[in-house]
Amino acid sequence: MERSFSEQVKAFSTRQFFNYLQKDPENNIPKAVDWITKHGGAEAMPAQMEFLGRVLGDPNNKWYKYAVRIFKELNPNCINMFAENFAINGSLLGIPRQKAMMKKYNCNIGWTILFDPTSACNKHCIGCWAAEYGHQLNLSFDDMDKICTQGKELGIFVYLMTGGEPLMRKADILKLAEKHHDCYFHIFTNGSMIDEDFCKECVRLGNLSFALSLEGTEETNDARRGNGSYDEIMHAFSLLKKYGIVFAVSVCYTHANYKTVTSDDFINTIIDAGARVVWYFHYMPVGNDATPDLLLEPDEREYVYRRVRYIRSEESPFQIFSIDFQNDGEYIGGCIAGGKNYCHINSNGDVEPCVFIHYSSANIKDQDLLDCLRQPLFMKYHELQPFNQNMFQPCPMLENPGYIVKMVNETGAHSTDLTSAESPEHLTSKTIEYAKKWAPKAKELWEEEHPEKKEQVN
């Protein structure tokens, strides 16, 4: 996307604004919030500016301390590129274009696309969908370039990568980030391939950040990810912190580890290591060999729900932002898949509704991105979302398993698991009982959180 002159001025002003904050964050952060409030912020976003004014104007508030640490500890180019590409291109400029394209084409067009540069990986972690794909598939550089080029035409400037291990395609990822320097790339990785030279390139480019997979203590982590994985991750943490690169921690919580990965010790460890965000992902029994034994009991999921919200609350001492992909559905209208907010493109090019839903009838290698977003399965998502008025039951596979069977069978989508095709009936046979057990607890939590919506719940 070629920026207009006014857009270039906005980007320049943003860089100048963040440079101002970096010079003296303790004093300049409150001044900046006060300036924005007085010059239109209070009128445009009254609730948000009231919150920011309160938390960033109080030196004792954890979010004030969090903001100061960001400007003191992160590389200036990484901060500036995050602001320009993630905030301006990805949100202020991108979202209005996405909405216009959604109206024009009457389909879902999401805020981000998640794609897999490769199926190859040096790990075989329990519960990881990537292990089900095999290890011989790759998106070519031209495929990835096509995704970003056509995505930008639709207003999409933020891209996530998984795998396999994405950094096995390290050179092509850097090349892609340089060519699409107006985009922002967030990479989920096991951390084993992060080294000094790679960090230097990331600092030079500024438009890459990372989410490293960690499952708690050395014992619990290596039990799932293999011996030595914990030490590899800690080494990667130290390099990313040294170079001031933005990174998060990605956690799959299960019946076996849910208390460990939400404990005080775990949170303090990743904060000390330099993480700014912790992503929590509910275990999904995807694949013919996946076990439902790791699914959580209702009380265990409630524990995670309350614990994650406490971690990010002002009352907690933890200077990190926690996100729960499953339990935070109320903030994003339930299921975000099928292009509503995102979709997944696997290393074979199959365009899937979600990283956990391995069905499709479109492939980016021989179709344009827009046509892939308008495939019958995605149009079913567009028609039926949200799948439940209770946003603690967002998923058409985990909490509402009848939907994924219905959508796949009615649209003729095929399994994209290239090693062992799984029918939607087999997939949901592992979640039906879970959904039944979770429903009463979800109802209880929803009515506690939203008593005004009690009668709307399915």
Protein backbone atom coordinates (compact mmCIF):
# COMPACT_ATOMS: atom_id res chain seq x y z
CA MET A 1 0.00 0.00 0.00
CA GLU A 2 1.40 3.37 -1.04
CA ARG A 3 0.91 5.87 1.75
CA SER A 4 -0.64 9.24 1.01
CA PHE A 5 1.22 12.36 2.11
CA SER A 6 -1.08 12.72 5.13
CA GLU A 7 -0.43 9.11 6.11
CA GLN A 8 3.33 9.65 5.84
CA VAL A 9 2.98 12.69 8.10
CA LYS A 10 1.07 10.55 10.61
CA ALA A 11 3.83 7.96 10.62
CA PHE A 12 6.53 10.61 11.00
CA SER A 13 4.62 12.24 13.84
CA THR A 14 4.23 8.89 15.55
CA ARG A 15 7.97 8.26 15.37
CA GLN A 16 8.65 11.72 16.80
CA PHE A 17 6.06 11.10 19.51
CA PHE A 18 7.68 7.84 20.59
CA ASN A 19 11.15 9.36 20.46
CA TYR A 20 9.85 11.98 22.90
CA LEU A 21 8.59 9.26 25.24
CA GLN A 22 11.87 7.35 25.08
CA LYS A 23 13.93 10.37 26.18
CA ASP A 24 12.34 10.57 29.63
CA PRO A 25 9.52 8.02 30.02
CA GLU A 26 8.87 8.66 33.73
CA ASN A 27 7.97 12.30 33.09
CA ASN A 28 6.88 12.28 29.46
CA ILE A 29 4.36 9.42 29.52
CA PRO A 30 1.89 11.30 31.81
CA LYS A 31 2.46 14.51 29.81
CA ALA A 32 1.71 12.71 26.55
CA VAL A 33 -1.52 11.19 27.87
CA ASP A 34 -2.60 14.60 29.17
CA TRP A 35 -1.86 16.20 25.78
CA ILE A 36 -3.84 13.54 23.86
CA THR A 37 -6.75 13.89 26.29
CA LYS A 38 -6.92 17.66 25.83
CA HIS A 39 -6.54 17.53 22.04
CA GLY A 40 -9.47 15.34 21.07
CA GLY A 41 -8.75 12.10 22.90
CA ALA A 42 -11.31 12.66 25.64
CA GLU A 43 -14.02 13.29 23.05
CA ALA A 44 -13.10 10.44 20.70
CA MET A 45 -12.34 7.78 23.32
CA PRO A 46 -13.62 9.01 26.70
CA ALA A 47 -13.52 5.68 28.56
CA GLN A 48 -10.09 4.71 27.19
CA MET A 49 -8.54 8.08 27.91
CA GLU A 50 -9.98 8.11 31.43
CA PHE A 51 -8.38 4.72 32.04
CA LEU A 52 -5.02 5.73 30.53
CA GLY A 53 -4.99 9.01 32.40
CA ARG A 54 -5.58 7.20 35.68
CA VAL A 55 -3.11 4.33 35.31
CA LEU A 56 -0.34 6.18 33.42
CA GLY A 57 -0.56 9.22 35.64
CA ASP A 58 0.11 7.22 38.79
CA PRO A 59 3.79 6.24 39.34
CA ASN A 60 2.62 3.50 41.72
CA ASN A 61 0.31 1.86 39.18
CA LYS A 62 1.70 -1.30 37.60
CA TRP A 63 0.77 -0.18 34.07
CA TYR A 64 2.75 3.03 34.52
CA LYS A 65 5.75 0.92 35.56
CA TYR A 66 5.08 -1.45 32.63
CA ALA A 67 5.08 1.46 30.15
CA VAL A 68 8.27 2.95 31.59
CA ARG A 69 10.05 -0.40 31.34
CA ILE A 70 9.04 -0.74 27.69
CA PHE A 71 10.64 2.58 26.75
CA LYS A 72 13.73 1.93 28.84
CA GLU A 73 14.35 -1.68 27.83
CA LEU A 74 13.21 -2.07 24.23
CA ASN A 75 15.14 -1.06 21.13
CA PRO A 76 13.85 2.30 19.79
CA ASN A 77 13.49 1.00 16.22
CA CYS A 78 11.45 -1.97 17.45
CA ILE A 79 9.14 0.38 19.36
CA ASN A 80 8.78 2.75 16.42
CA MET A 81 8.07 0.01 13.90
CA PHE A 82 5.49 -1.52 16.24
CA ALA A 83 3.77 1.86 16.46
CA GLU A 84 3.87 2.53 12.71
CA ASN A 85 3.04 -0.92 11.37
CA PHE A 86 0.95 -2.51 14.12
CA ALA A 87 -0.89 0.54 15.44
CA ILE A 88 -1.15 2.84 12.41
CA ASN A 89 -1.09 0.52 9.37
CA GLY A 90 -2.62 -2.49 11.10
CA SER A 91 -5.34 -0.65 13.00
CA LEU A 92 -5.93 3.04 12.22
CA LEU A 93 -5.54 2.62 8.46
CA GLY A 94 -6.11 -1.11 8.06
CA ILE A 95 -9.38 -1.66 9.91
CA PRO A 96 -11.44 0.91 7.93
CA ARG A 97 -10.20 -0.69 4.69
CA GLN A 98 -11.07 -4.17 5.99
CA LYS A 99 -14.59 -3.01 6.84
CA ALA A 100 -15.03 -1.45 3.41
CA MET A 101 -13.87 -4.65 1.70
CA MET A 102 -16.14 -6.79 3.92
CA LYS A 103 -19.11 -4.67 2.84
CA LYS A 104 -18.05 -4.76 -0.82
CA TYR A 105 -17.54 -8.53 -1.01
CA ASN A 106 -20.00 -9.62 1.72
CA CYS A 107 -17.52 -11.94 3.42
CA ASN A 108 -15.22 -12.06 6.43
CA ILE A 109 -11.96 -10.16 6.08
CA GLY A 110 -9.91 -10.37 9.23
CA TRP A 111 -7.40 -8.19 11.00
CA THR A 112 -4.57 -10.71 10.67
CA ILE A 113 -3.53 -13.88 8.84
CA LEU A 114 -1.63 -16.72 10.48
CA PHE A 115 0.51 -18.77 8.11
CA ASP A 116 3.06 -21.58 8.30
CA PRO A 117 6.27 -21.04 6.32
CA THR A 118 7.13 -24.73 6.80
CA SER A 119 5.87 -27.95 8.33
CA ALA A 120 9.41 -28.92 9.31
CA CYS A 121 10.21 -28.81 13.00
CA ASN A 122 12.96 -30.03 15.29
CA LYS A 123 10.41 -30.86 18.02
CA HIS A 124 7.38 -33.12 18.38
CA CYS A 125 5.44 -31.50 21.20
CA ILE A 126 2.42 -33.21 22.71
CA GLY A 127 -0.79 -31.50 21.61
CA CYS A 128 0.76 -29.43 18.81
CA TRP A 129 -1.21 -29.43 15.55
CA ALA A 130 2.01 -28.92 13.55
CA ALA A 131 3.23 -32.40 14.39
CA GLU A 132 0.22 -33.81 12.55
CA TYR A 133 1.17 -32.30 9.18
CA GLY A 134 4.41 -34.09 8.42
CA HIS A 135 7.71 -32.36 7.77
CA GLN A 136 8.12 -31.92 4.02
CA LEU A 137 5.86 -28.99 3.18
CA ASN A 138 6.74 -25.33 2.61
CA LEU A 139 5.19 -22.10 1.46
CA SER A 140 7.61 -20.66 -1.09
CA PHE A 141 8.82 -17.11 -0.70
CA ASP A 142 6.50 -16.18 -3.57
CA ASP A 143 3.56 -17.77 -1.73
CA MET A 144 4.28 -15.74 1.41
CA ASP A 145 4.85 -12.60 -0.66
CA LYS A 146 1.48 -13.20 -2.35
CA ILE A 147 -0.28 -13.51 1.01
CA CYS A 148 1.13 -10.19 2.21
CA THR A 149 0.70 -8.35 -1.09
CA GLN A 150 -2.92 -9.38 -1.55
CA GLY A 151 -3.58 -9.04 2.18
CA LYS A 152 -2.53 -5.40 2.15
CA GLU A 153 -4.97 -4.72 -0.68
CA LEU A 154 -7.68 -5.88 1.72
CA GLY A 155 -6.31 -3.80 4.62
CA ILE A 156 -4.36 -6.56 6.41
CA PHE A 157 -0.95 -5.43 7.71
CA VAL A 158 -0.38 -7.74 10.68
CA TYR A 159 0.81 -11.33 10.06
CA LEU A 160 1.45 -14.19 12.45
CA MET A 161 3.60 -17.24 11.73
CA THR A 162 3.57 -20.74 13.17
CA GLY A 163 4.77 -24.07 11.83
CA GLY A 164 6.48 -26.44 12.11
CA GLU A 165 9.24 -24.23 13.36
CA PRO A 166 9.00 -20.99 11.32
CA LEU A 167 12.64 -20.05 11.90
CA MET A 168 13.79 -23.00 9.85
CA ARG A 169 12.92 -20.51 7.06
CA LYS A 170 14.83 -17.72 8.79
CA ALA A 171 16.38 -16.20 5.66
CA ASP A 172 13.07 -16.00 3.78
CA ILE A 173 11.30 -14.53 6.82
CA LEU A 174 13.85 -11.72 7.05
CA LYS A 175 13.56 -11.15 3.30
CA LEU A 176 9.77 -11.00 3.60
CA ALA A 177 9.89 -8.56 6.53
CA GLU A 178 12.23 -6.32 4.57
CA LYS A 179 10.13 -6.35 1.40
CA HIS A 180 6.92 -5.69 3.35
CA HIS A 181 8.39 -3.13 5.69
CA ASP A 182 4.95 -1.60 6.19
CA CYS A 183 3.71 -4.84 7.80
CA TYR A 184 4.23 -6.31 11.25
CA PHE A 185 5.20 -9.96 11.78
CA HIS A 186 4.70 -11.88 15.05
CA ILE A 187 6.33 -15.32 15.07
CA PHE A 188 5.46 -18.28 17.30
CA THR A 189 8.67 -20.26 17.81
CA ASN A 190 10.31 -22.80 20.08
CA GLY A 191 13.26 -20.39 20.33
CA SER A 192 15.95 -22.93 19.48
CA MET A 193 17.07 -21.10 16.32
CA ILE A 194 17.36 -17.57 17.72
CA ASP A 195 20.99 -16.44 17.68
CA GLU A 196 23.03 -13.21 17.81
CA ASP A 197 23.13 -12.60 14.05
CA PHE A 198 19.39 -13.14 13.72
CA CYS A 199 18.70 -10.70 16.58
CA LYS A 200 20.83 -8.04 14.91
CA GLU A 201 18.77 -8.35 11.72
CA CYS A 202 15.53 -8.15 13.70
CA VAL A 203 16.69 -4.92 15.34
CA ARG A 204 17.67 -3.49 11.96
CA LEU A 205 14.26 -4.27 10.47
CA GLY A 206 12.22 -3.57 13.61
CA ASN A 207 8.99 -5.14 12.33
CA LEU A 208 9.35 -8.60 13.86
CA SER A 209 8.40 -9.83 17.31
CA PHE A 210 8.20 -13.29 18.82
CA ALA A 211 6.14 -15.60 21.01
CA LEU A 212 8.23 -18.37 22.53
CA SER A 213 6.56 -21.58 23.64
CA LEU A 214 7.02 -22.46 27.31
CA GLU A 215 5.06 -24.87 29.50
CA GLY A 216 6.08 -23.94 33.04
CA THR A 217 9.07 -25.30 34.94
CA GLU A 218 11.95 -27.15 33.34
CA GLU A 219 10.34 -30.44 34.32
CA THR A 220 6.85 -29.69 32.95
CA ASN A 221 8.19 -27.95 29.85
CA ASP A 222 10.64 -30.66 28.83
CA ALA A 223 8.05 -33.37 29.51
CA ARG A 224 6.03 -31.93 26.61
CA ARG A 225 8.72 -30.39 24.42
CA GLY A 226 11.74 -32.64 24.93
CA ASN A 227 14.87 -32.62 27.09
CA GLY A 228 16.91 -29.44 26.85
CA SER A 229 14.04 -27.34 25.51
CA TYR A 230 13.81 -25.22 28.65
CA ASP A 231 17.49 -24.24 28.47
CA GLU A 232 17.11 -23.37 24.78
CA ILE A 233 14.20 -21.08 25.55
CA MET A 234 16.00 -19.36 28.41
CA HIS A 235 18.96 -18.70 26.12
CA ALA A 236 16.62 -17.22 23.48
CA PHE A 237 14.99 -15.05 26.16
CA SER A 238 18.38 -13.67 27.16
CA LEU A 239 19.27 -12.77 23.56
CA LEU A 240 15.94 -11.09 22.84
CA LYS A 241 16.16 -9.12 26.08
CA LYS A 242 19.76 -8.12 25.35
CA TYR A 243 18.80 -6.69 21.94
CA GLY A 244 15.57 -5.05 23.13
CA ILE A 245 13.30 -7.09 20.84
CA VAL A 246 9.60 -7.39 21.67
CA PHE A 247 8.64 -10.91 22.73
CA ALA A 248 5.82 -12.80 24.39
CA VAL A 249 5.48 -16.25 25.91
CA SER A 250 3.05 -18.74 24.38
CA VAL A 251 1.51 -21.34 26.71
CA CYS A 252 -0.71 -24.32 25.98
CA TYR A 253 -2.56 -25.06 29.21
CA THR A 254 -3.83 -28.56 29.91
CA HIS A 255 -5.31 -30.70 32.67
CA ALA A 256 -1.72 -31.57 33.64
CA ASN A 257 -0.05 -28.14 33.78
CA TYR A 258 -2.75 -25.46 34.27
CA LYS A 259 -1.64 -24.48 37.79
CA THR A 260 2.06 -24.48 36.98
CA VAL A 261 1.75 -22.15 33.99
CA THR A 262 -0.36 -19.62 35.90
CA SER A 263 1.67 -19.70 39.13
CA ASP A 264 3.43 -16.72 40.68
CA ASP A 265 6.81 -18.36 40.08
CA PHE A 266 6.12 -18.90 36.38
CA ILE A 267 4.85 -15.36 35.82
CA ASN A 268 7.77 -13.80 37.69
CA THR A 269 10.22 -15.93 35.70
CA ILE A 270 8.98 -14.75 32.32
CA ILE A 271 8.71 -11.12 33.45
CA ASP A 272 12.31 -11.21 34.67
CA ALA A 273 13.29 -12.76 31.34
CA GLY A 274 11.82 -9.73 29.51
CA ALA A 275 8.44 -10.97 28.22
CA ARG A 276 5.80 -8.28 27.69
CA VAL A 277 2.80 -10.52 26.95
CA VAL A 278 1.76 -14.07 27.86
CA TRP A 279 -0.56 -15.87 25.41
CA TYR A 280 -2.60 -18.71 26.93
CA PHE A 281 -4.07 -21.34 24.58
CA HIS A 282 -6.51 -24.00 25.69
CA TYR A 283 -5.42 -27.52 24.73
CA MET A 284 -7.28 -28.78 21.64
CA PRO A 285 -7.43 -32.54 20.88
CA VAL A 286 -6.76 -32.13 17.16
CA GLY A 287 -5.60 -35.11 15.11
CA ASN A 288 -6.53 -38.77 15.05
CA ASP A 289 -3.98 -39.60 17.73
CA ALA A 290 -4.69 -36.64 20.02
CA THR A 291 -5.85 -37.58 23.49
CA PRO A 292 -8.83 -35.96 25.20
CA ASP A 293 -7.24 -36.80 28.55
CA LEU A 294 -5.46 -33.43 28.61
CA LEU A 295 -8.73 -31.48 28.35
CA LEU A 296 -9.56 -29.53 31.49
CA GLU A 297 -12.37 -30.19 33.91
CA PRO A 298 -14.83 -27.27 34.31
CA ASP A 299 -13.38 -26.22 37.67
CA GLU A 300 -9.87 -26.31 36.20
CA ARG A 301 -10.85 -24.08 33.29
CA GLU A 302 -12.58 -21.70 35.70
CA TYR A 303 -9.36 -21.56 37.70
CA VAL A 304 -7.44 -20.50 34.57
CA TYR A 305 -10.15 -17.99 33.66
CA ARG A 306 -9.94 -16.27 37.05
CA ARG A 307 -6.18 -16.53 37.34
CA VAL A 308 -5.45 -14.98 33.92
CA ARG A 309 -7.77 -12.09 34.66
CA TYR A 310 -6.10 -11.55 38.00
CA ILE A 311 -2.64 -11.54 36.40
CA ARG A 312 -3.59 -8.66 34.12
CA SER A 313 -5.63 -6.77 36.71
CA GLU A 314 -4.38 -3.60 38.34
CA GLU A 315 -4.57 -5.39 41.68
CA SER A 316 -1.89 -7.91 40.77
CA PRO A 317 1.81 -7.07 40.99
CA PHE A 318 2.63 -8.65 37.61
CA GLN A 319 3.87 -6.23 34.95
CA ILE A 320 2.80 -8.33 31.98
CA PHE A 321 -0.30 -8.43 29.79
CA SER A 322 -2.04 -11.83 29.83
CA ILE A 323 -4.41 -13.03 27.10
CA ASP A 324 -6.51 -16.20 27.16
CA PHE A 325 -7.39 -17.22 23.60
CA GLN A 326 -10.42 -19.23 24.77
CA ASN A 327 -11.72 -17.44 27.84
CA ASP A 328 -11.42 -13.89 26.50
CA GLY A 329 -13.97 -14.42 23.74
CA GLU A 330 -16.32 -11.82 25.22
CA TYR A 331 -13.94 -9.02 24.19
CA ILE A 332 -13.89 -10.01 20.51
CA GLY A 333 -17.40 -11.32 19.90
CA GLY A 334 -16.74 -15.04 20.35
CA CYS A 335 -15.10 -17.13 17.64
CA ILE A 336 -12.70 -15.06 15.54
CA ALA A 337 -11.96 -17.75 12.93
CA GLY A 338 -13.07 -18.17 9.33
CA GLY A 339 -11.63 -14.77 8.46
CA LYS A 340 -13.74 -12.85 10.97
CA ASN A 341 -10.58 -11.65 12.69
CA TYR A 342 -8.11 -14.18 11.37
CA CYS A 343 -7.60 -17.38 9.40
CA HIS A 344 -4.81 -19.93 9.04
CA ILE A 345 -2.81 -20.96 5.97
CA ASN A 346 -0.89 -24.18 6.44
CA SER A 347 2.44 -25.03 4.84
CA ASN A 348 0.67 -26.81 1.97
CA GLY A 349 -1.21 -23.59 1.18
CA ASP A 350 -4.60 -24.79 2.45
CA VAL A 351 -6.58 -21.84 3.80
CA GLU A 352 -8.26 -23.04 6.99
CA PRO A 353 -10.73 -21.24 9.27
CA CYS A 354 -8.52 -21.66 12.34
CA VAL A 355 -5.18 -23.09 13.36
CA PHE A 356 -7.14 -25.80 15.21
CA ILE A 357 -9.71 -26.50 12.45
CA HIS A 358 -8.03 -28.51 9.69
CA TYR A 359 -10.61 -28.35 6.91
CA SER A 360 -10.65 -26.32 3.70
CA SER A 361 -11.63 -26.19 0.05
CA ALA A 362 -9.26 -23.41 -1.03
CA ASN A 363 -5.50 -23.15 -1.53
CA ILE A 364 -3.41 -20.00 -1.73
CA LYS A 365 -0.98 -21.61 -4.17
CA ASP A 366 -3.52 -21.57 -7.00
CA GLN A 367 -6.18 -19.10 -5.83
CA ASP A 368 -6.22 -15.45 -4.87
CA LEU A 369 -6.56 -14.60 -1.18
CA LEU A 370 -9.99 -13.02 -1.63
CA ASP A 371 -11.32 -16.15 -3.33
CA CYS A 372 -9.94 -18.23 -0.46
CA LEU A 373 -11.74 -16.01 2.04
CA ARG A 374 -14.96 -16.53 0.09
CA GLN A 375 -14.74 -20.32 0.00
CA PRO A 376 -17.97 -22.08 1.12
CA LEU A 377 -16.66 -23.07 4.55
CA PHE A 378 -15.67 -19.49 5.37
CA MET A 379 -19.03 -18.22 4.14
CA LYS A 380 -20.69 -20.61 6.60
CA TYR A 381 -18.62 -19.06 9.38
CA HIS A 382 -19.69 -15.65 8.14
CA GLU A 383 -23.34 -16.74 8.22
CA LEU A 384 -23.37 -18.50 11.59
CA GLN A 385 -21.00 -16.52 13.86
CA PRO A 386 -21.24 -16.17 16.79
CA PHE A 387 -21.84 -19.83 17.51
CA ASN A 388 -23.14 -19.09 20.99
CA GLN A 389 -24.40 -15.93 22.66
CA ASN A 390 -22.40 -17.00 25.71
CA MET A 391 -18.89 -15.87 24.81
CA PHE A 392 -17.39 -18.38 27.24
CA GLN A 393 -18.52 -20.98 24.69
CA PRO A 394 -17.08 -19.48 21.51
CA CYS A 395 -15.69 -22.41 19.52
CA PRO A 396 -17.63 -24.48 16.93
CA MET A 397 -15.42 -27.45 17.73
CA LEU A 398 -14.69 -27.36 21.48
CA GLU A 399 -17.86 -25.95 23.08
CA ASN A 400 -20.37 -26.21 20.20
CA PRO A 401 -19.21 -29.35 18.37
CA GLY A 402 -22.33 -29.75 16.25
CA TYR A 403 -21.42 -26.67 14.26
CA ILE A 404 -18.12 -27.88 12.83
CA VAL A 405 -19.70 -31.18 11.70
CA LYS A 406 -22.54 -29.25 10.06
CA MET A 407 -20.32 -26.70 8.32
CA VAL A 408 -17.74 -29.15 6.99
CA ASN A 409 -20.32 -31.60 5.69
CA GLU A 410 -22.59 -28.97 4.15
CA THR A 411 -19.77 -27.23 2.30
CA GLY A 412 -17.81 -30.27 1.15
CA ALA A 413 -14.60 -29.08 2.80
CA HIS A 414 -11.91 -31.74 3.09
CA SER A 415 -9.48 -32.61 5.85
CA THR A 416 -6.18 -30.81 5.41
CA ASP A 417 -4.27 -33.15 7.70
CA LEU A 418 -1.97 -34.70 5.12
CA THR A 419 -0.69 -37.52 7.31
CA SER A 420 -3.97 -38.89 8.69
CA ALA A 421 -7.22 -37.30 7.54
CA GLU A 422 -9.61 -36.77 10.44
CA SER A 423 -13.36 -36.58 9.95
CA PRO A 424 -15.24 -33.84 11.81
CA GLU A 425 -17.23 -36.59 13.52
CA HIS A 426 -14.04 -38.15 14.90
CA LEU A 427 -12.71 -34.77 15.96
CA THR A 428 -15.83 -33.82 17.87
CA SER A 429 -16.19 -37.24 19.46
CA LYS A 430 -13.38 -36.01 21.73
CA THR A 431 -15.14 -32.76 22.64
CA ILE A 432 -18.86 -33.57 22.97
CA GLU A 433 -18.60 -34.68 26.58
CA TYR A 434 -16.32 -31.74 27.38
CA ALA A 435 -18.87 -29.31 25.91
CA LYS A 436 -21.69 -30.80 27.98
CA LYS A 437 -19.69 -30.57 31.19
CA TRP A 438 -18.50 -27.02 30.51
CA ALA A 439 -21.90 -25.56 29.55
CA PRO A 440 -23.32 -25.16 33.11
CA LYS A 441 -20.10 -23.57 34.34
CA ALA A 442 -19.99 -21.26 31.31
CA LYS A 443 -23.59 -20.21 32.01
CA GLU A 444 -22.72 -19.51 35.64
CA LEU A 445 -19.68 -17.39 34.71
CA TRP A 446 -21.54 -15.50 31.97
CA GLU A 447 -24.41 -14.59 34.28
CA GLU A 448 -21.93 -13.53 36.94
CA GLU A 449 -20.03 -11.35 34.47
CA HIS A 450 -23.01 -10.12 32.41
CA PRO A 451 -26.24 -10.35 34.42
CA GLU A 452 -27.92 -7.98 31.95
CA LYS A 453 -27.49 -10.58 29.16
CA LYS A 454 -28.82 -13.53 31.15
CA GLU A 455 -31.81 -14.14 28.88
CA GLN A 456 -29.75 -13.97 25.65
CA VAL A 457 -27.67 -17.08 26.32
CA ASN A 458 -28.43 -20.05 24.07
